[in-house]
């Protein structure tokens, strides 16, 4: 628990000397909660080493932390390119990258991204800005008219959003 608190503090303080420590947690730690916290903390930094190291560790990460790692890599175009180049070089399989991550990656206005995505995945459905706007409108309409089920929603949140986003943490 104490290590978890330190990892979270490192992300909030944002001092570059913490980057190697956080990357070591990602590459060597077996506790998935600690690895997820380290990946989340790394998102506060803008350093090329982060993308390189997380991409190198991605295939060895457990499923619980892989989504957090993909979210991190998709958050910066330079890290996203690093991920796509690893697939292009055969270091990762196309299945190692989720369609959700690809959609986020395609939002970057970086001319290196689209050719690599099209080469390995073809056209990604729902990835254009217009398609995403349409989906957001559909979801907003659904949310405004539905009643929802908080118990089922809690499970969905934990399995998806809650891997990175935690209330009061």
Protein backbone atom coordinates (compact mmCIF):
# COMPACT_ATOMS: atom_id res chain seq x y z
CA UNK A 1 0.00 0.00 0.00
CA UNK A 2 2.86 2.35 0.82
CA UNK A 3 4.54 1.68 -2.54
CA UNK A 4 1.24 2.37 -4.26
CA UNK A 5 0.97 5.75 -2.54
CA UNK A 6 4.54 6.66 -3.56
CA UNK A 7 3.85 5.75 -7.19
CA UNK A 8 0.78 7.99 -7.19
CA UNK A 9 2.73 10.83 -5.56
CA UNK A 10 5.47 10.51 -8.20
CA UNK A 11 2.85 11.10 -10.87
CA UNK A 12 1.50 14.16 -9.10
CA UNK A 13 4.89 15.72 -8.35
CA UNK A 14 6.08 15.17 -11.95
CA UNK A 15 9.83 15.22 -11.44
CA UNK A 16 11.77 13.66 -14.32
CA UNK A 17 14.03 11.67 -11.97
CA UNK A 18 10.97 9.54 -11.08
CA UNK A 19 10.52 8.32 -14.66
CA UNK A 20 13.12 5.49 -14.45
CA UNK A 21 11.60 4.30 -11.15
CA UNK A 22 8.10 4.21 -12.61
CA UNK A 23 9.32 2.46 -15.75
CA UNK A 24 11.03 -0.17 -13.61
CA UNK A 25 7.77 -0.79 -11.78
CA UNK A 26 6.04 -1.29 -15.15
CA UNK A 27 8.66 -3.70 -16.47
CA UNK A 28 9.37 -5.76 -13.34
CA UNK A 29 6.46 -5.57 -10.90
CA UNK A 30 3.92 -8.40 -10.70
CA UNK A 31 1.27 -6.51 -8.68
CA UNK A 32 -1.19 -5.32 -11.35
CA UNK A 33 -2.57 -2.50 -9.20
CA UNK A 34 0.94 -1.11 -8.74
CA UNK A 35 1.73 -1.45 -12.46
CA UNK A 36 -1.53 0.31 -13.40
CA UNK A 37 -0.75 3.12 -10.97
CA UNK A 38 2.75 3.50 -12.44
CA UNK A 39 1.35 3.63 -15.99
CA UNK A 40 -1.18 6.25 -14.90
CA UNK A 41 1.55 8.28 -13.17
CA UNK A 42 3.71 8.17 -16.32
CA UNK A 43 0.94 9.86 -18.28
CA UNK A 44 1.84 13.09 -16.47
CA UNK A 45 5.24 13.15 -18.21
CA UNK A 46 6.25 13.89 -21.78
CA UNK A 47 9.37 11.82 -22.39
CA UNK A 48 10.29 9.59 -25.33
CA UNK A 49 11.74 6.93 -22.99
CA UNK A 50 8.25 6.24 -21.66
CA UNK A 51 6.85 5.16 -25.02
CA UNK A 52 9.90 3.05 -25.82
CA UNK A 53 9.89 1.27 -22.48
CA UNK A 54 6.14 0.67 -22.28
CA UNK A 55 6.06 -0.65 -25.86
CA UNK A 56 8.91 -3.03 -24.98
CA UNK A 57 6.94 -4.26 -21.94
CA UNK A 58 3.49 -4.36 -23.56
CA UNK A 59 3.35 -7.99 -24.68
CA UNK A 60 4.42 -9.19 -21.22
CA UNK A 61 1.82 -7.17 -19.32
CA UNK A 62 -1.18 -8.94 -17.84
CA UNK A 63 -4.55 -8.23 -19.44
CA UNK A 64 -5.62 -6.07 -16.46
CA UNK A 65 -2.83 -3.57 -17.13
CA UNK A 66 -2.64 -3.76 -20.91
CA UNK A 67 -5.61 -1.39 -21.38
CA UNK A 68 -3.95 1.15 -19.09
CA UNK A 69 -0.71 0.82 -21.09
CA UNK A 70 -2.57 1.28 -24.37
CA UNK A 71 -4.31 4.37 -23.01
CA UNK A 72 -0.92 5.79 -22.03
CA UNK A 73 0.63 5.04 -25.43
CA UNK A 74 -2.36 6.48 -27.32
CA UNK A 75 -2.22 9.73 -25.32
CA UNK A 76 0.84 11.15 -27.13
CA UNK A 77 1.47 10.92 -30.86
CA UNK A 78 5.17 10.18 -30.37
CA UNK A 79 4.33 7.20 -28.13
CA UNK A 80 1.59 6.06 -30.50
CA UNK A 81 4.07 6.09 -33.38
CA UNK A 82 6.46 4.06 -31.24
CA UNK A 83 3.71 1.46 -30.73
CA UNK A 84 2.81 1.35 -34.43
CA UNK A 85 6.46 1.05 -35.45
CA UNK A 86 6.87 -1.92 -33.08
CA UNK A 87 3.99 -3.64 -34.90
CA UNK A 88 5.54 -2.70 -38.25
CA UNK A 89 8.89 -4.17 -37.17
CA UNK A 90 7.23 -7.40 -36.02
CA UNK A 91 8.02 -6.83 -32.33
CA UNK A 92 4.29 -6.81 -31.54
CA UNK A 93 1.35 -8.52 -33.24
CA UNK A 94 -1.59 -6.55 -34.59
CA UNK A 95 -3.73 -8.35 -31.99
CA UNK A 96 -1.61 -6.73 -29.26
CA UNK A 97 -3.30 -3.39 -30.04
CA UNK A 98 -7.02 -3.00 -29.34
CA UNK A 99 -9.42 -1.26 -31.70
CA UNK A 100 -10.15 1.23 -28.91
CA UNK A 101 -6.48 2.22 -28.79
CA UNK A 102 -6.35 2.50 -32.59
CA UNK A 103 -9.32 4.88 -32.60
CA UNK A 104 -7.61 7.08 -30.01
CA UNK A 105 -4.32 6.96 -31.91
CA UNK A 106 -6.02 8.04 -35.13
CA UNK A 107 -7.18 11.26 -33.45
CA UNK A 108 -3.59 12.55 -33.53
CA UNK A 109 -2.77 14.76 -36.48
CA UNK A 110 0.52 13.02 -37.26
CA UNK A 111 1.22 11.99 -40.85
CA UNK A 112 3.20 8.94 -39.68
CA UNK A 113 0.18 7.32 -38.03
CA UNK A 114 -2.43 6.75 -40.77
CA UNK A 115 -0.16 4.86 -43.19
CA UNK A 116 0.96 2.46 -40.45
CA UNK A 117 -2.59 1.86 -39.22
CA UNK A 118 -3.89 1.25 -42.76
CA UNK A 119 -0.95 -1.06 -43.53
CA UNK A 120 -1.63 -3.36 -40.58
CA UNK A 121 -5.34 -2.92 -39.74
CA UNK A 122 -6.89 -1.43 -42.87
CA UNK A 123 -9.68 1.06 -42.31
CA UNK A 124 -10.62 1.23 -38.63
CA UNK A 125 -14.39 1.45 -38.29
CA UNK A 126 -15.64 4.35 -36.22
CA UNK A 127 -12.31 6.14 -36.19
CA UNK A 128 -13.17 9.24 -38.19
CA UNK A 129 -14.09 12.44 -36.39
CA UNK A 130 -17.57 12.42 -37.94
CA UNK A 131 -18.20 8.82 -36.92
CA UNK A 132 -17.03 9.57 -33.39
CA UNK A 133 -19.26 12.66 -33.17
CA UNK A 134 -22.18 10.58 -34.36
CA UNK A 135 -21.46 7.91 -31.75
CA UNK A 136 -21.18 10.53 -29.00
CA UNK A 137 -24.54 11.99 -30.01
CA UNK A 138 -26.09 8.52 -30.00
CA UNK A 139 -24.71 7.81 -26.52
CA UNK A 140 -25.83 11.19 -25.16
CA UNK A 141 -29.32 10.55 -26.47
CA UNK A 142 -29.32 7.08 -24.96
CA UNK A 143 -28.12 8.40 -21.60
CA UNK A 144 -30.71 11.16 -21.48
CA UNK A 145 -33.63 8.81 -22.17
CA UNK A 146 -32.55 5.71 -20.24
CA UNK A 147 -32.83 4.92 -16.57
CA UNK A 148 -29.67 2.85 -16.20
CA UNK A 149 -28.76 0.22 -13.66
CA UNK A 150 -26.14 1.42 -11.17
CA UNK A 151 -25.16 -2.11 -10.08
CA UNK A 152 -24.49 -3.24 -13.65
CA UNK A 153 -22.87 0.10 -14.43
CA UNK A 154 -20.44 -0.31 -11.54
CA UNK A 155 -19.24 -3.62 -12.99
CA UNK A 156 -18.83 -2.11 -16.46
CA UNK A 157 -16.96 0.88 -14.98
CA UNK A 158 -14.58 -1.36 -13.00
CA UNK A 159 -13.82 -3.55 -16.01
CA UNK A 160 -13.17 -0.64 -18.38
CA UNK A 161 -12.82 2.91 -17.04
CA UNK A 162 -11.86 2.00 -13.48
CA UNK A 163 -8.55 0.50 -14.54
CA UNK A 164 -7.26 4.07 -14.88
CA UNK A 165 -9.87 6.38 -13.37
CA UNK A 166 -10.57 6.15 -9.67
CA UNK A 167 -12.63 8.53 -7.58
CA UNK A 168 -10.54 10.29 -4.90
CA UNK A 169 -7.36 8.51 -5.96
